[in-house]
């Protein structure tokens, strides 16, 4: 069950990851930071495995991750689950709910998460009074769509090895963009079952692919820690082009 705290200070809510992510797209002014700080009404804690958002919900606020990992997912009638997005600190998990209104998927906490809530009315005010900040927030939705396109290509045309390599390349750069990597290593707190639901593979197949990546000395993976040992080769196997992440800061 989600635990809600009283409104904290602006500095404690506006995580470094969130600000750093927006500034990957373009510079944020001090006044824009203040506007974002005022927009966050409260923060909360969500336990591992709990839903931040449920399919069919009509949210009145959008949620961004301060700490933890989350995943968008759908479940079929036969009980099979497909994870359609992974969210890291600094991500809005449902900024699009401001526009689409009814959620066609759920979002769960892969790990214990700390979240910040921004009412849709506050987002509406931002769109009407701060055009540059609106554009920066819109880039989040555009990049989400770009990531979905790459995942679709991976599902349809990349081998299991290439698909996994592409996901690891993507996560390294996304986590680096919010200051959550050490050299070429990062934390990935997914079980092999969750990774299978992300890649569309069985747990057994996921294990084989990870073993192959290790055997080829492309990565090490101990517990939650992934280390990319040979970035050029891994990037080559995945045919990974980071353009879709829009990580170059430029006027928007």
Protein backbone atom coordinates (compact mmCIF):
# COMPACT_ATOMS: atom_id res chain seq x y z
CA UNK A 1 0.00 0.00 0.00
CA UNK A 2 1.33 3.42 -0.95
CA UNK A 3 2.53 5.49 1.99
CA UNK A 4 2.12 9.26 1.60
CA UNK A 5 4.26 11.77 3.43
CA UNK A 6 3.43 15.39 4.15
CA UNK A 7 4.73 17.93 1.68
CA UNK A 8 8.53 18.08 1.97
CA UNK A 9 10.81 20.87 0.90
CA UNK A 10 11.22 21.55 -2.81
CA UNK A 11 14.86 20.51 -2.72
CA UNK A 12 14.10 17.10 -1.17
CA UNK A 13 11.42 16.29 -3.76
CA UNK A 14 13.14 17.54 -6.88
CA UNK A 15 15.69 14.78 -6.98
CA UNK A 16 19.05 15.36 -8.59
CA UNK A 17 18.17 12.60 -11.05
CA UNK A 18 15.03 14.39 -12.24
CA UNK A 19 16.75 17.75 -12.70
CA UNK A 20 19.78 16.14 -14.30
CA UNK A 21 17.55 14.27 -16.74
CA UNK A 22 15.71 17.40 -17.86
CA UNK A 23 19.01 19.22 -18.31
CA UNK A 24 20.16 16.47 -20.67
CA UNK A 25 17.58 17.97 -23.03
CA UNK A 26 18.15 21.70 -22.42
CA UNK A 27 19.13 24.14 -19.66
CA UNK A 28 16.62 24.70 -16.84
CA UNK A 29 16.39 28.21 -15.42
CA UNK A 30 16.15 28.80 -11.68
CA UNK A 31 12.57 29.97 -12.10
CA UNK A 32 11.70 26.75 -13.95
CA UNK A 33 13.18 24.72 -11.11
CA UNK A 34 11.04 26.69 -8.67
CA UNK A 35 7.92 26.06 -10.76
CA UNK A 36 8.61 22.32 -10.74
CA UNK A 37 9.24 22.39 -7.02
CA UNK A 38 5.91 24.05 -6.35
CA UNK A 39 4.14 21.55 -8.62
CA UNK A 40 5.10 18.56 -6.46
CA UNK A 41 2.43 18.31 -3.78
CA UNK A 42 3.82 15.37 -1.83
CA UNK A 43 6.04 12.34 -1.96
CA UNK A 44 5.34 8.76 -0.99
CA UNK A 45 6.82 5.30 -0.62
CA UNK A 46 5.70 2.26 -2.61
CA UNK A 47 6.67 -1.28 -1.65
CA UNK A 48 8.24 -3.78 -4.01
CA UNK A 49 5.62 -5.46 -6.20
CA UNK A 50 2.93 -2.85 -5.51
CA UNK A 51 1.24 -0.88 -8.27
CA UNK A 52 1.93 2.81 -8.61
CA UNK A 53 -0.83 2.99 -11.22
CA UNK A 54 -3.45 0.38 -12.16
CA UNK A 55 -4.91 -0.39 -15.57
CA UNK A 56 -8.25 1.39 -15.90
CA UNK A 57 -7.32 4.14 -13.42
CA UNK A 58 -8.14 7.77 -14.19
CA UNK A 59 -5.20 9.50 -12.45
CA UNK A 60 -5.55 13.08 -11.28
CA UNK A 61 -1.78 13.41 -10.82
CA UNK A 62 1.36 12.16 -12.52
CA UNK A 63 4.14 10.31 -10.72
CA UNK A 64 7.89 10.54 -11.10
CA UNK A 65 10.47 8.26 -9.55
CA UNK A 66 12.82 9.71 -6.98
CA UNK A 67 14.42 6.37 -6.08
CA UNK A 68 13.87 2.80 -7.21
CA UNK A 69 12.93 0.97 -10.40
CA UNK A 70 9.43 0.57 -11.82
CA UNK A 71 7.91 -1.22 -14.82
CA UNK A 72 4.91 -0.69 -17.06
CA UNK A 73 3.09 -3.92 -17.81
CA UNK A 74 0.02 -5.61 -19.22
CA UNK A 75 -1.38 -8.99 -18.21
CA UNK A 76 -3.26 -11.24 -20.65
CA UNK A 77 -6.28 -13.34 -19.73
CA UNK A 78 -4.05 -16.41 -19.52
CA UNK A 79 -2.04 -14.69 -16.78
CA UNK A 80 1.05 -14.02 -18.89
CA UNK A 81 2.68 -10.65 -18.26
CA UNK A 82 4.54 -8.40 -20.68
CA UNK A 83 6.68 -5.58 -19.32
CA UNK A 84 6.51 -2.74 -21.84
CA UNK A 85 8.83 -0.20 -20.20
CA UNK A 86 11.38 0.08 -17.42
CA UNK A 87 11.54 3.27 -15.38
CA UNK A 88 14.58 4.54 -13.50
CA UNK A 89 15.00 7.46 -11.07
CA UNK A 90 14.22 10.74 -12.77
CA UNK A 91 11.48 9.23 -14.96
CA UNK A 92 7.85 10.28 -15.00
CA UNK A 93 6.05 6.93 -15.10
CA UNK A 94 2.74 8.33 -16.31
CA UNK A 95 3.17 11.88 -17.53
CA UNK A 96 1.02 10.84 -20.49
CA UNK A 97 -1.94 10.26 -18.12
CA UNK A 98 -2.36 14.04 -18.10
CA UNK A 99 -3.51 13.69 -21.73
CA UNK A 100 -4.85 10.15 -22.22
CA UNK A 101 -6.91 10.15 -18.97
CA UNK A 102 -7.66 6.39 -18.69
CA UNK A 103 -4.66 4.09 -18.20
CA UNK A 104 -4.43 1.15 -20.59
CA UNK A 105 -1.62 -0.47 -18.58
CA UNK A 106 -0.34 -0.69 -15.02
CA UNK A 107 2.94 0.42 -13.44
CA UNK A 108 4.49 -1.59 -10.64
CA UNK A 109 7.40 -1.02 -8.29
CA UNK A 110 10.18 -3.47 -9.20
CA UNK A 111 11.99 -2.34 -6.04
CA UNK A 112 10.87 -0.22 -3.09
CA UNK A 113 10.32 3.21 -4.63
CA UNK A 114 10.12 6.80 -3.48
CA UNK A 115 7.83 8.83 -5.70
CA UNK A 116 6.75 12.43 -6.16
CA UNK A 117 3.22 13.41 -7.22
CA UNK A 118 2.37 16.31 -9.53
CA UNK A 119 -1.35 17.14 -9.88
CA UNK A 120 -2.65 17.41 -13.41
CA UNK A 121 -3.95 20.87 -12.60
CA UNK A 122 -0.36 21.93 -11.86
CA UNK A 123 0.74 20.45 -15.19
CA UNK A 124 -2.07 22.31 -16.92
CA UNK A 125 -0.87 25.58 -15.40
CA UNK A 126 2.70 24.86 -16.54
CA UNK A 127 1.52 24.21 -20.12
CA UNK A 128 -0.35 27.51 -20.12
CA UNK A 129 2.34 29.71 -18.56
CA UNK A 130 5.78 28.14 -19.14
CA UNK A 131 6.19 27.05 -22.78
CA UNK A 132 9.88 26.12 -22.54
CA UNK A 133 9.34 23.94 -19.49
CA UNK A 134 6.33 22.39 -21.22
CA UNK A 135 8.54 21.43 -24.15
CA UNK A 136 11.11 19.85 -21.84
CA UNK A 137 8.43 17.79 -20.12
CA UNK A 138 7.05 16.80 -23.53
CA UNK A 139 10.46 15.43 -24.49
CA UNK A 140 9.92 12.81 -21.77
CA UNK A 141 6.86 11.51 -23.61
CA UNK A 142 8.63 11.67 -26.98
CA UNK A 143 11.61 9.70 -25.63
CA UNK A 144 9.28 7.12 -24.08
CA UNK A 145 7.76 6.61 -27.53
CA UNK A 146 11.23 6.34 -29.10
CA UNK A 147 12.21 3.67 -26.56
CA UNK A 148 9.01 1.77 -27.36
CA UNK A 149 9.93 1.81 -31.06
CA UNK A 150 13.32 0.32 -30.29
CA UNK A 151 11.75 -2.33 -28.07
CA UNK A 152 9.36 -3.22 -30.92
CA UNK A 153 12.28 -3.61 -33.31
CA UNK A 154 14.04 -5.80 -30.76
CA UNK A 155 10.97 -7.99 -30.21
CA UNK A 156 10.39 -8.44 -33.92
CA UNK A 157 13.80 -8.53 -35.54
CA UNK A 158 16.69 -8.84 -33.07
CA UNK A 159 17.92 -12.17 -31.77
CA UNK A 160 17.65 -12.85 -28.04
CA UNK A 161 21.34 -12.01 -27.65
CA UNK A 162 21.05 -8.80 -29.66
CA UNK A 163 17.86 -7.83 -27.82
CA UNK A 164 19.44 -8.29 -24.40
CA UNK A 165 22.58 -6.44 -25.47
CA UNK A 166 20.46 -3.54 -26.74
CA UNK A 167 18.55 -3.32 -23.46
CA UNK A 168 21.77 -3.27 -21.43
CA UNK A 169 23.22 -0.53 -23.65
CA UNK A 170 20.02 1.51 -23.26
CA UNK A 171 19.94 1.17 -19.48
CA UNK A 172 23.62 2.07 -19.10
CA UNK A 173 23.10 5.36 -20.94
CA UNK A 174 19.79 6.18 -19.25
CA UNK A 175 21.26 5.59 -15.80
CA UNK A 176 24.43 7.47 -16.68
CA UNK A 177 22.29 10.43 -17.75
CA UNK A 178 20.92 10.69 -14.20
CA UNK A 179 24.23 10.07 -12.44
CA UNK A 180 23.57 6.47 -11.40
CA UNK A 181 26.50 4.63 -12.97
CA UNK A 182 30.07 4.01 -11.90
CA UNK A 183 32.20 3.94 -15.03
CA UNK A 184 30.50 1.21 -17.09
CA UNK A 185 28.63 -0.46 -14.23
CA UNK A 186 25.10 0.00 -12.92
CA UNK A 187 22.52 -1.58 -10.67
CA UNK A 188 19.80 -3.63 -12.38
CA UNK A 189 17.52 -5.10 -9.69
CA UNK A 190 15.49 -7.37 -11.99
CA UNK A 191 14.93 -11.06 -11.40
CA UNK A 192 15.43 -13.34 -14.38
CA UNK A 193 11.64 -13.81 -14.48
CA UNK A 194 11.16 -10.03 -14.70
CA UNK A 195 13.88 -9.80 -17.34
CA UNK A 196 12.08 -12.57 -19.24
CA UNK A 197 8.81 -10.62 -19.09
CA UNK A 198 10.73 -7.60 -20.44
CA UNK A 199 12.44 -9.46 -23.28
CA UNK A 200 9.59 -11.85 -24.10
CA UNK A 201 11.79 -14.85 -23.24
CA UNK A 202 11.50 -17.78 -20.89
CA UNK A 203 13.57 -17.73 -17.71
CA UNK A 204 15.66 -20.59 -19.09
CA UNK A 205 16.36 -18.65 -22.30
CA UNK A 206 17.26 -15.52 -20.33
CA UNK A 207 19.76 -17.53 -18.31
CA UNK A 208 21.35 -18.91 -21.48
CA UNK A 209 21.71 -15.45 -23.00
CA UNK A 210 23.29 -14.02 -19.85
CA UNK A 211 25.72 -16.91 -19.74
CA UNK A 212 26.64 -16.28 -23.38
CA UNK A 213 27.28 -12.60 -22.69
CA UNK A 214 29.50 -13.59 -19.77
CA UNK A 215 31.31 -16.26 -21.78
CA UNK A 216 32.08 -13.72 -24.49
CA UNK A 217 33.46 -11.42 -21.76
CA UNK A 218 31.03 -8.69 -22.73
CA UNK A 219 29.59 -8.27 -19.23
CA UNK A 220 29.78 -9.45 -15.66
CA UNK A 221 26.58 -9.71 -13.65
CA UNK A 222 26.81 -10.39 -9.93
CA UNK A 223 23.67 -9.87 -7.85
CA UNK A 224 22.17 -6.58 -9.04
CA UNK A 225 25.45 -5.20 -10.42
CA UNK A 226 26.02 -5.25 -14.18
CA UNK A 227 29.44 -4.30 -15.54
CA UNK A 228 29.89 -3.69 -19.25
CA UNK A 229 33.38 -5.05 -19.96
CA UNK A 230 33.52 -4.38 -23.70
CA UNK A 231 31.25 -1.50 -24.70
CA UNK A 232 32.29 -1.33 -28.39
CA UNK A 233 31.57 -5.04 -28.95
CA UNK A 234 28.31 -4.99 -27.00
CA UNK A 235 27.18 -1.91 -28.89
CA UNK A 236 28.12 -3.57 -32.17
CA UNK A 237 26.22 -6.77 -31.41
CA UNK A 238 23.12 -4.74 -30.49
CA UNK A 239 23.52 -2.30 -33.44
CA UNK A 240 22.91 0.26 -30.72
CA UNK A 241 22.52 3.90 -31.81
CA UNK A 242 21.74 6.17 -28.84
CA UNK A 243 20.05 8.85 -30.98
CA UNK A 244 16.61 7.70 -29.82
CA UNK A 245 17.40 8.72 -26.22
CA UNK A 246 17.84 12.41 -27.16
CA UNK A 247 20.69 12.87 -24.69
CA UNK A 248 22.22 15.90 -26.41
CA UNK A 249 21.31 19.18 -24.74
CA UNK A 250 20.17 21.73 -27.28
CA UNK A 251 17.61 24.54 -27.55
CA UNK A 252 14.05 23.19 -27.54
